[in-house]
Amino acid sequence: MTISAQEQEFDWTQRYTDYLESKESRPSRIVYQRDRARVIHSAAFRRLQAKTQIFGLNESDFYRTRLTHSMEVAQIGSGLVEQLITVGDGKDYMDWLPSFYLIEAICLAHDLGHPPYGHGGEVALNYMMRKHGGFEGNAQTLRILSRLGEYTPKNGIDLSRRATLGVLKYPSIYDEVVAQSSDYQARIHQQDAFDFRTLDMSRWYPPKASVYMEEREQFDWVLDMFSDQDKELFTKLLASEKPDDKQGYFHKTQYKAFDTTIMELADDIAYGIHDLEDAVAMGMVQRDLWQEEVMNNEVFKHYPLWGSEMTDMLFSSRSKDRKHAISKMVGIMVESVFVDENPLFEHPLLRYQAKLGESEMAVLELLKTFVYVHVITLPEVKGMEYKGQLIVLDLFKSLRANPEALLPRNTYHKYERAESERVQQRIISDYISGMTNTYASRLYEKFFTASQGSIFDRL
């Protein structure tokens, strides 16, 4: 990725309303407005409308997809910035707040790399790519932004440096994280499973890393704005104090950039509250369960952010009441945001950190756990995820074995010209990860269902 004169970025020195009218800020507004426009008009963004959030796409046209989730994250992200402006008079962080254009570009882009069938598809692709650099949804996002997107021949969607920094939730390289785990290294070299149905897929969750080795150059370009000391600390890997149920003992980075902390808060709020709305609307979460595990929880009793009237609205027979309750919950979270400083960093984009108030953060973590336990891990939901995993695994196995016959012509030309087996496998991974749920299932039926498929199909 190269830096053009147009991409020279300007600090915020005034409140956002003044900023919009400031002649000096116009070049940076154009850059970040362009960033947002490129994300919105990209093919990868459009495909999110047919990728799973939690519930299957055939369940209803009401429930959230990755696209509607990303739009909600962008709206909440803008709300967080607006709140920080409202309470920011005279505070130093005002010079470094992202503009609405910038934070929306980051939030809209944050899930571009997620494959079909959500985290189930991510785990399946990671298994198939385990000997060739792995697969991780956040790392695939950077790959789309910096290499695969359609706006430039070699640099993908080619967002500005700061926008690209904003989507790096885990500023580390996949291979380097894996190298720290001897247990995972041993598993990588096990023989391929003959029957995917016998695989324990819980052992193949990817490490938290936002960069493949193939995008190291782009990663270094993003970090060039920081001192060596800041870069070293920002990318430092530390061992987990305890094993994560999914991640094992993978090392992790500990820090995020200022804009990323805003995006992550917006993402967590959308996950913990907006996804709760879908579960309530589907009848998957009943009032008694909510009362017992949220309202009567010791955490909520210690931090009572709302009263029983919120429960009445949330479980009302009127959808307008439920929407009002969800809106109030989001508002409570957004209005608590503040900016803290990490004195270990020199650069303001690493030193400033957006956080929620103590009570709001505790309750949000409670809501996220509630959604995870009573929605995400339900056998009905996990069963559909498992089905998607098998589709991805079988598609990859067939495309790997018969690339010339089964890959689309333009994809096969890239495959044929690839300089190594690793690059060839990455090309197959890119092809499958870019599929929507619908495309993947139709391709599976075409390949493996005798009564389906035609030479006239246009998938």
Protein backbone atom coordinates (compact mmCIF):
# COMPACT_ATOMS: atom_id res chain seq x y z
CA MET A 1 0.00 0.00 0.00
CA THR A 2 1.27 3.44 -0.86
CA ILE A 3 0.46 6.84 0.58
CA SER A 4 -0.81 9.50 -1.79
CA ALA A 5 -0.90 13.21 -1.07
CA GLN A 6 -4.67 12.89 -0.71
CA GLU A 7 -4.14 10.48 2.19
CA GLN A 8 -2.27 12.91 4.42
CA GLU A 9 -4.40 12.96 7.55
CA PHE A 10 -5.26 15.97 9.69
CA ASP A 11 -5.86 16.00 13.42
CA TRP A 12 -9.12 17.18 14.84
CA THR A 13 -8.66 20.54 16.53
CA GLN A 14 -12.28 21.59 16.91
CA ARG A 15 -15.59 20.08 17.77
CA TYR A 16 -17.12 18.07 14.97
CA THR A 17 -19.59 20.78 13.94
CA ASP A 18 -16.76 23.23 13.44
CA TYR A 19 -14.69 20.54 11.80
CA LEU A 20 -17.25 20.06 9.04
CA GLU A 21 -17.05 23.72 8.13
CA SER A 22 -13.29 24.05 8.45
CA LYS A 23 -11.51 24.54 5.12
CA GLU A 24 -8.29 23.12 6.59
CA SER A 25 -9.96 19.79 7.37
CA ARG A 26 -11.47 19.20 3.94
CA PRO A 27 -8.64 16.94 2.61
CA SER A 28 -8.97 14.53 5.55
CA ARG A 29 -12.76 14.59 5.26
CA ILE A 30 -12.41 13.55 1.64
CA VAL A 31 -10.08 10.68 2.60
CA TYR A 32 -12.33 9.29 5.35
CA GLN A 33 -15.49 9.88 3.33
CA ARG A 34 -13.83 7.95 0.53
CA ASP A 35 -12.93 5.17 3.01
CA ARG A 36 -16.56 4.82 4.07
CA ALA A 37 -17.83 4.94 0.49
CA ARG A 38 -15.39 2.26 -0.66
CA VAL A 39 -16.46 -0.08 2.14
CA ILE A 40 -20.17 0.45 1.48
CA HIS A 41 -19.85 -0.09 -2.27
CA SER A 42 -17.52 -3.10 -2.02
CA ALA A 43 -18.64 -6.58 -3.02
CA ALA A 44 -17.43 -7.94 0.33
CA PHE A 45 -19.77 -5.58 2.19
CA ARG A 46 -22.78 -6.48 0.03
CA ARG A 47 -22.17 -10.18 0.64
CA LEU A 48 -22.64 -9.64 4.38
CA GLN A 49 -26.40 -9.47 3.73
CA ALA A 50 -26.33 -13.23 3.12
CA LYS A 51 -23.93 -14.24 5.89
CA THR A 52 -25.04 -15.51 9.28
CA GLN A 53 -25.05 -13.35 12.39
CA ILE A 54 -26.64 -15.85 14.81
CA PHE A 55 -29.74 -17.31 13.23
CA GLY A 56 -29.97 -19.00 9.86
CA LEU A 57 -30.95 -16.84 6.92
CA ASN A 58 -33.99 -18.99 6.25
CA GLU A 59 -35.42 -18.50 9.73
CA SER A 60 -37.01 -15.12 8.95
CA ASP A 61 -36.26 -11.90 7.08
CA PHE A 62 -36.52 -10.00 10.38
CA TYR A 63 -33.42 -11.27 12.16
CA ARG A 64 -29.98 -9.80 11.87
CA THR A 65 -27.36 -10.69 9.30
CA ARG A 66 -23.71 -9.65 9.29
CA LEU A 67 -24.73 -6.67 7.18
CA THR A 68 -27.39 -5.31 9.52
CA HIS A 69 -25.10 -6.03 12.47
CA SER A 70 -22.30 -4.01 10.85
CA MET A 71 -24.68 -1.11 10.17
CA GLU A 72 -25.80 -1.14 13.81
CA VAL A 73 -22.19 -1.19 15.00
CA ALA A 74 -21.51 1.85 12.78
CA GLN A 75 -24.50 3.70 14.22
CA ILE A 76 -23.47 2.94 17.80
CA GLY A 77 -19.86 3.87 17.00
CA SER A 78 -21.02 7.27 15.74
CA GLY A 79 -23.10 7.64 18.90
CA LEU A 80 -20.05 6.96 21.05
CA VAL A 81 -18.04 9.60 19.17
CA GLU A 82 -20.89 12.09 19.50
CA GLN A 83 -21.04 11.45 23.26
CA LEU A 84 -17.28 11.97 23.59
CA ILE A 85 -17.64 15.26 21.71
CA THR A 86 -20.50 16.31 24.00
CA VAL A 87 -18.44 15.80 27.14
CA GLY A 88 -15.07 16.68 25.61
CA ASP A 89 -14.78 20.46 25.85
CA GLY A 90 -11.21 21.36 26.71
CA LYS A 91 -9.98 17.76 26.80
CA ASP A 92 -6.83 16.76 24.95
CA TYR A 93 -8.36 13.70 23.30
CA MET A 94 -10.59 15.96 21.18
CA ASP A 95 -7.67 16.51 18.81
CA TRP A 96 -7.59 12.76 18.10
CA LEU A 97 -11.25 11.76 17.99
CA PRO A 98 -12.17 9.98 14.75
CA SER A 99 -14.63 11.81 12.54
CA PHE A 100 -18.05 10.26 11.93
CA TYR A 101 -16.87 9.28 8.46
CA LEU A 102 -13.84 7.51 9.86
CA ILE A 103 -15.50 5.62 12.71
CA GLU A 104 -18.31 4.51 10.40
CA ALA A 105 -15.80 3.24 7.84
CA ILE A 106 -14.02 1.23 10.55
CA CYS A 107 -17.23 -0.18 12.01
CA LEU A 108 -18.72 -1.06 8.62
CA ALA A 109 -15.49 -2.81 7.64
CA HIS A 110 -14.85 -4.74 10.85
CA ASP A 111 -16.61 -7.96 9.75
CA LEU A 112 -15.76 -8.00 6.03
CA GLY A 113 -13.56 -11.08 6.44
CA HIS A 114 -16.09 -13.30 8.14
CA PRO A 115 -16.84 -16.41 6.05
CA PRO A 116 -20.17 -18.14 5.42
CA TYR A 117 -21.79 -19.78 8.45
CA GLY A 118 -20.19 -17.42 10.93
CA HIS A 119 -17.65 -18.76 13.37
CA GLY A 120 -18.47 -22.29 12.24
CA GLY A 121 -17.16 -21.49 8.79
CA GLU A 122 -14.16 -19.75 10.34
CA VAL A 123 -13.20 -22.87 12.32
CA ALA A 124 -13.66 -25.11 9.27
CA LEU A 125 -11.44 -22.91 7.10
CA ASN A 126 -8.84 -22.71 9.85
CA TYR A 127 -8.69 -26.51 9.97
CA MET A 128 -8.25 -26.79 6.21
CA MET A 129 -5.61 -24.03 6.21
CA ARG A 130 -3.80 -25.16 9.36
CA LYS A 131 -0.64 -26.16 7.46
CA HIS A 132 -0.76 -23.13 5.16
CA GLY A 133 -1.00 -20.07 7.39
CA GLY A 134 -4.41 -20.68 8.96
CA PHE A 135 -7.65 -18.72 8.69
CA GLU A 136 -8.99 -16.03 11.01
CA GLY A 137 -11.88 -13.68 10.24
CA ASN A 138 -10.12 -10.50 11.38
CA ALA A 139 -7.00 -11.37 9.38
CA GLN A 140 -9.19 -12.00 6.34
CA THR A 141 -10.67 -8.52 6.81
CA LEU A 142 -7.22 -6.96 6.50
CA ARG A 143 -6.56 -9.15 3.45
CA ILE A 144 -9.69 -7.84 1.75
CA LEU A 145 -8.87 -4.24 2.63
CA SER A 146 -5.24 -4.42 1.54
CA ARG A 147 -5.15 -7.01 -1.23
CA LEU A 148 -8.41 -8.60 -2.46
CA GLY A 149 -10.82 -5.66 -2.73
CA GLU A 150 -11.72 -4.39 -6.18
CA TYR A 151 -10.73 -0.72 -5.99
CA THR A 152 -7.03 -1.03 -6.85
CA PRO A 153 -5.06 -3.65 -8.82
CA LYS A 154 -2.74 -4.64 -5.96
CA ASN A 155 -3.86 -2.86 -2.78
CA GLY A 156 -7.47 -3.99 -2.44
CA ILE A 157 -9.96 -1.48 -1.06
CA ASP A 158 -6.90 0.56 0.00
CA LEU A 159 -8.23 2.46 2.99
CA SER A 160 -6.25 5.22 4.66
CA ARG A 161 -3.63 4.22 7.21
CA ARG A 162 -5.71 5.28 10.20
CA ALA A 163 -8.85 3.46 9.01
CA THR A 164 -6.80 0.31 8.44
CA LEU A 165 -5.31 0.61 11.91
CA GLY A 166 -8.82 0.90 13.32
CA VAL A 167 -9.88 -2.58 12.18
CA LEU A 168 -6.82 -4.32 13.68
CA LYS A 169 -8.46 -5.80 16.76
CA TYR A 170 -5.49 -8.10 17.41
CA PRO A 171 -2.29 -6.49 16.04
CA SER A 172 -0.30 -9.69 15.57
CA ILE A 173 0.63 -12.13 12.82
CA TYR A 174 -1.10 -15.51 12.80
CA ASP A 175 2.07 -17.58 12.24
CA GLU A 176 3.90 -15.86 15.08
CA VAL A 177 1.03 -16.50 17.52
CA VAL A 178 0.83 -20.17 16.52
CA ALA A 179 4.60 -20.53 16.89
CA GLN A 180 4.20 -19.81 20.61
CA SER A 181 1.88 -22.82 21.13
CA SER A 182 3.63 -26.20 21.05
CA ASP A 183 0.33 -27.99 21.64
CA TYR A 184 -1.27 -26.41 18.59
CA GLN A 185 1.87 -26.98 16.52
CA ALA A 186 1.63 -30.69 17.28
CA ARG A 187 -2.02 -30.80 16.22
CA ILE A 188 -1.28 -29.00 12.95
CA HIS A 189 0.85 -31.89 11.71
CA GLN A 190 -1.65 -34.60 12.49
CA GLN A 191 -2.96 -36.57 9.54
CA ASP A 192 -5.99 -35.16 7.75
CA ALA A 193 -9.32 -36.52 8.96
CA PHE A 194 -10.76 -39.15 6.63
CA ASP A 195 -14.30 -38.40 7.79
CA PHE A 196 -15.00 -34.80 8.81
CA ARG A 197 -17.90 -35.96 10.97
CA THR A 198 -15.39 -37.52 13.37
CA LEU A 199 -13.50 -34.24 13.87
CA ASP A 200 -13.65 -32.40 17.17
CA MET A 201 -13.99 -28.92 15.68
CA SER A 202 -13.67 -27.25 19.08
CA ARG A 203 -9.92 -27.94 18.85
CA TRP A 204 -9.55 -25.82 15.72
CA TYR A 205 -10.66 -22.37 16.78
CA PRO A 206 -8.04 -19.95 15.39
CA PRO A 207 -5.84 -17.76 17.58
CA LYS A 208 -6.72 -14.10 17.89
CA ALA A 209 -4.54 -12.52 15.20
CA SER A 210 -5.51 -9.84 12.68
CA VAL A 211 -2.72 -10.40 10.13
CA TYR A 212 -1.61 -13.27 7.89
CA MET A 213 2.08 -13.53 7.07
CA GLU A 214 1.15 -12.60 3.48
CA GLU A 215 0.05 -9.14 4.65
CA ARG A 216 3.11 -8.38 6.81
CA GLU A 217 4.13 -5.55 4.46
CA GLN A 218 0.74 -3.86 4.84
CA PHE A 219 0.89 -4.39 8.60
CA ASP A 220 4.31 -2.73 8.77
CA TRP A 221 2.98 0.16 6.66
CA VAL A 222 0.15 0.76 9.14
CA LEU A 223 2.56 0.75 12.10
CA ASP A 224 5.06 3.10 10.47
CA MET A 225 3.43 6.08 12.20
CA PHE A 226 4.57 4.82 15.60
CA SER A 227 7.94 4.81 17.35
CA ASP A 228 9.87 1.55 17.72
CA GLN A 229 9.01 1.49 21.41
CA ASP A 230 5.28 1.90 20.73
CA LYS A 231 5.33 -0.73 17.99
CA GLU A 232 7.08 -3.26 20.19
CA LEU A 233 4.62 -2.82 23.05
CA PHE A 234 1.56 -2.66 20.78
CA THR A 235 2.39 -5.98 19.08
CA LYS A 236 3.86 -7.80 22.09
CA LEU A 237 2.41 -11.27 22.69
CA LEU A 238 1.73 -12.39 26.24
CA ALA A 239 0.70 -15.83 27.47
CA SER A 240 -2.88 -16.23 28.64
CA GLU A 241 -3.21 -16.47 32.41
CA LYS A 242 -5.77 -19.23 31.98
CA PRO A 243 -6.86 -21.30 28.97
CA ASP A 244 -9.81 -19.95 27.02
CA ASP A 245 -12.43 -22.60 26.24
CA LYS A 246 -11.87 -22.01 22.54
CA GLN A 247 -8.39 -20.55 22.26
CA GLY A 248 -6.36 -22.83 24.54
CA TYR A 249 -3.09 -21.23 25.65
CA PHE A 250 -2.56 -19.04 22.59
CA HIS A 251 -0.59 -15.88 23.29
CA LYS A 252 -2.44 -12.60 22.68
CA THR A 253 -1.73 -8.93 22.21
CA GLN A 254 -2.89 -6.74 25.08
CA TYR A 255 -3.55 -3.35 23.48
CA LYS A 256 -5.69 -1.71 20.81
CA ALA A 257 -5.66 1.64 19.04
CA PHE A 258 -7.99 4.46 20.11
CA ASP A 259 -10.38 4.07 17.17
CA THR A 260 -10.43 0.30 17.65
CA THR A 261 -11.54 0.66 21.26
CA ILE A 262 -14.53 2.70 20.09
CA MET A 263 -15.38 0.13 17.40
CA GLU A 264 -15.06 -2.76 19.87
CA LEU A 265 -17.36 -1.10 22.38
CA ALA A 266 -19.92 -0.57 19.62
CA ASP A 267 -19.52 -4.21 18.54
CA ASP A 268 -19.97 -5.48 22.10
CA ILE A 269 -23.05 -3.32 22.66
CA ALA A 270 -24.59 -4.60 19.42
CA TYR A 271 -23.77 -8.19 20.37
CA GLY A 272 -24.98 -7.98 23.94
CA ILE A 273 -28.14 -5.92 23.36
CA HIS A 274 -29.24 -5.99 19.71
CA ASP A 275 -28.70 -9.74 19.38
CA LEU A 276 -30.68 -10.14 22.60
CA GLU A 277 -33.61 -8.50 20.81
CA ASP A 278 -33.60 -11.24 18.16
CA ALA A 279 -33.57 -13.95 20.82
CA VAL A 280 -36.51 -12.38 22.69
CA ALA A 281 -38.47 -11.86 19.46
CA MET A 282 -37.95 -15.53 18.52
CA GLY A 283 -39.12 -16.70 21.95
CA MET A 284 -35.73 -18.27 22.69
CA VAL A 285 -35.37 -16.21 25.88
CA GLN A 286 -38.32 -16.16 28.26
CA ARG A 287 -39.10 -13.57 30.90
CA ASP A 288 -38.50 -15.96 33.83
CA LEU A 289 -35.01 -16.81 32.56
CA TRP A 290 -34.19 -13.11 32.07
CA GLN A 291 -35.43 -12.30 35.55
CA GLU A 292 -33.43 -15.09 37.16
CA GLU A 293 -30.13 -14.75 35.33
CA VAL A 294 -29.95 -11.01 34.67
CA MET A 295 -32.20 -8.97 36.93
CA ASN A 296 -31.55 -11.21 39.97
CA ASN A 297 -27.86 -11.70 39.20
CA GLU A 298 -25.47 -10.40 41.86
CA VAL A 299 -23.68 -8.25 39.26
CA PHE A 300 -26.92 -6.50 38.27
CA LYS A 301 -28.00 -6.11 41.88
CA HIS A 302 -24.68 -4.34 42.51
CA TYR A 303 -25.11 -2.20 39.38
CA PRO A 304 -28.88 -1.76 38.88
CA LEU A 305 -28.89 0.23 35.63
CA TRP A 306 -32.64 -0.08 35.11
CA GLY A 307 -35.75 -1.22 36.93
CA SER A 308 -38.56 -3.72 36.36
CA GLU A 309 -40.21 -1.42 33.81
CA MET A 310 -37.42 -2.32 31.39
CA THR A 311 -38.32 -6.00 31.71
CA ASP A 312 -41.99 -5.17 31.12
CA MET A 313 -41.11 -3.36 27.90
CA LEU A 314 -38.61 -5.98 26.74
CA PHE A 315 -41.13 -8.82 27.06
CA SER A 316 -44.18 -6.85 26.00
CA SER A 317 -46.44 -8.31 23.31
CA ARG A 318 -45.93 -5.04 21.42
CA SER A 319 -42.79 -4.94 19.26
CA LYS A 320 -42.62 -1.15 19.71
CA ASP A 321 -42.21 -1.59 23.47
CA ARG A 322 -39.42 -4.11 22.94
CA LYS A 323 -37.65 -1.77 20.54
CA HIS A 324 -37.99 1.08 23.05
CA ALA A 325 -36.38 -1.08 25.76
CA ILE A 326 -33.49 -2.03 23.49
CA SER A 327 -32.98 1.62 22.54
CA LYS A 328 -32.89 2.69 26.20
CA MET A 329 -30.36 -0.03 27.05
CA VAL A 330 -28.08 1.06 24.22
CA GLY A 331 -28.43 4.69 25.30
CA ILE A 332 -27.41 3.88 28.86
CA MET A 333 -24.24 2.22 27.60
CA VAL A 334 -23.34 4.95 25.10
CA GLU A 335 -23.81 7.79 27.57
CA SER A 336 -21.30 6.23 29.98
CA VAL A 337 -18.35 6.30 27.54
CA PHE A 338 -15.21 8.17 28.52
CA VAL A 339 -11.56 8.34 27.44
CA ASP A 340 -8.79 6.94 29.59
CA GLU A 341 -5.03 7.21 29.00
CA ASN A 342 -2.40 4.49 28.92
CA PRO A 343 0.87 6.25 29.85
CA LEU A 344 2.95 3.36 28.46
CA PHE A 345 2.42 4.70 24.92
CA GLU A 346 3.80 7.85 23.32
CA HIS A 347 1.43 8.23 20.37
CA PRO A 348 -2.06 9.56 21.17
CA LEU A 349 -3.73 6.98 18.89
CA LEU A 350 -2.37 4.28 21.19
CA ARG A 351 -2.39 6.22 24.45
CA TYR A 352 -6.07 7.21 24.39
CA GLN A 353 -8.58 4.42 25.10
CA ALA A 354 -12.37 4.57 24.99
CA LYS A 355 -14.05 2.79 27.89
CA LEU A 356 -17.48 2.40 29.43
CA GLY A 357 -18.26 3.24 33.03
CA GLU A 358 -17.60 0.50 35.57
CA SER A 359 -21.26 -0.36 36.14
CA GLU A 360 -22.16 -0.23 32.45
CA MET A 361 -19.22 -2.46 31.49
CA ALA A 362 -20.08 -5.00 34.17
CA VAL A 363 -23.70 -5.21 33.03
CA LEU A 364 -22.70 -5.39 29.36
CA GLU A 365 -20.41 -8.35 30.12
CA LEU A 366 -23.34 -9.97 31.95
CA LEU A 367 -25.57 -9.47 28.89
CA LYS A 368 -22.92 -10.86 26.52
CA THR A 369 -22.55 -13.96 28.70
CA PHE A 370 -26.33 -14.35 28.84
CA VAL A 371 -26.62 -14.21 25.04
CA TYR A 372 -23.71 -16.60 24.61
CA VAL A 373 -25.04 -19.21 27.04
CA HIS A 374 -28.72 -19.06 26.13
CA VAL A 375 -28.55 -18.26 22.41
CA ILE A 376 -25.15 -18.86 20.79
CA THR A 377 -24.54 -22.26 22.38
CA LEU A 378 -28.07 -23.64 22.06
CA PRO A 379 -28.02 -27.07 20.37
CA GLU A 380 -30.44 -25.76 17.73
CA VAL A 381 -28.07 -22.92 16.83
CA LYS A 382 -24.89 -25.02 17.12
CA GLY A 383 -26.48 -27.70 14.96
CA MET A 384 -26.91 -25.27 12.08
CA GLU A 385 -23.35 -24.05 12.63
CA TYR A 386 -22.10 -27.64 12.47
CA LYS A 387 -23.96 -28.21 9.22
CA GLY A 388 -22.27 -25.13 7.76
CA GLN A 389 -18.88 -26.41 8.92
CA LEU A 390 -19.36 -29.68 7.03
CA ILE A 391 -20.37 -27.79 3.88
CA VAL A 392 -17.20 -25.66 4.04
CA LEU A 393 -14.98 -28.67 4.79
CA ASP A 394 -16.35 -30.74 1.90
CA LEU A 395 -16.18 -27.84 -0.54
CA PHE A 396 -12.55 -27.13 0.37
CA LYS A 397 -11.58 -30.80 0.13
CA SER A 398 -13.10 -31.10 -3.35
CA LEU A 399 -11.69 -27.83 -4.67
CA ARG A 400 -8.24 -28.75 -3.34
CA ALA A 401 -8.36 -32.15 -5.05
CA ASN A 402 -9.80 -30.90 -8.35
CA PRO A 403 -8.89 -27.22 -8.75
CA GLU A 404 -8.78 -27.15 -12.55
CA ALA A 405 -12.19 -28.78 -12.92
CA LEU A 406 -14.08 -27.05 -10.10
CA LEU A 407 -12.63 -23.59 -9.50
CA PRO A 408 -14.05 -20.70 -11.55
CA ARG A 409 -11.78 -19.85 -14.49
CA ASN A 410 -10.47 -16.55 -13.10
CA THR A 411 -9.79 -18.14 -9.70
CA TYR A 412 -8.04 -21.10 -11.28
CA HIS A 413 -5.79 -18.77 -13.32
CA LYS A 414 -4.61 -17.22 -10.03
CA TYR A 415 -4.17 -20.71 -8.56
CA GLU A 416 -2.14 -21.87 -11.55
CA ARG A 417 0.20 -18.86 -11.38
CA ALA A 418 0.75 -19.15 -7.61
CA GLU A 419 4.40 -19.53 -6.62
CA SER A 420 3.86 -22.01 -3.78
CA GLU A 421 1.40 -24.54 -2.38
CA ARG A 422 0.69 -22.18 0.50
CA VAL A 423 -0.42 -19.43 -1.88
CA GLN A 424 -2.55 -21.93 -3.83
CA GLN A 425 -4.36 -22.98 -0.67
CA ARG A 426 -4.85 -19.34 0.31
CA ILE A 427 -6.53 -18.72 -3.06
CA ILE A 428 -9.01 -21.54 -2.38
CA SER A 429 -9.57 -20.16 1.13
CA ASP A 430 -10.21 -16.67 -0.30
CA TYR A 431 -12.75 -18.12 -2.73
CA ILE A 432 -14.71 -20.02 -0.08
CA SER A 433 -14.52 -17.33 2.60
CA GLY A 434 -15.98 -14.83 0.14
CA MET A 435 -19.06 -16.98 -0.41
CA THR A 436 -22.40 -16.18 1.15
CA ASN A 437 -24.29 -18.90 3.01
CA THR A 438 -26.62 -19.20 0.03
CA TYR A 439 -23.83 -19.49 -2.54
CA ALA A 440 -21.98 -22.10 -0.48
CA SER A 441 -25.06 -24.27 0.03
CA ARG A 442 -26.02 -24.08 -3.65
CA LEU A 443 -22.49 -25.00 -4.72
CA TYR A 444 -22.53 -27.91 -2.27
CA GLU A 445 -25.83 -29.14 -3.71
CA LYS A 446 -24.50 -28.78 -7.23
CA PHE A 447 -21.42 -30.87 -6.41
CA PHE A 448 -22.90 -33.49 -4.11
CA THR A 449 -26.67 -33.78 -4.65
CA ALA A 450 -27.60 -35.94 -7.62
CA SER A 451 -30.86 -34.17 -8.41
CA GLN A 452 -29.43 -30.65 -8.20
CA GLY A 453 -27.22 -28.61 -10.53
CA SER A 454 -27.03 -27.80 -14.19
CA ILE A 455 -24.40 -26.64 -16.65
CA PHE A 456 -26.57 -23.53 -17.05
CA ASP A 457 -26.37 -22.63 -13.35
CA ARG A 458 -25.07 -19.14 -12.58
CA LEU A 459 -24.18 -19.27 -8.92
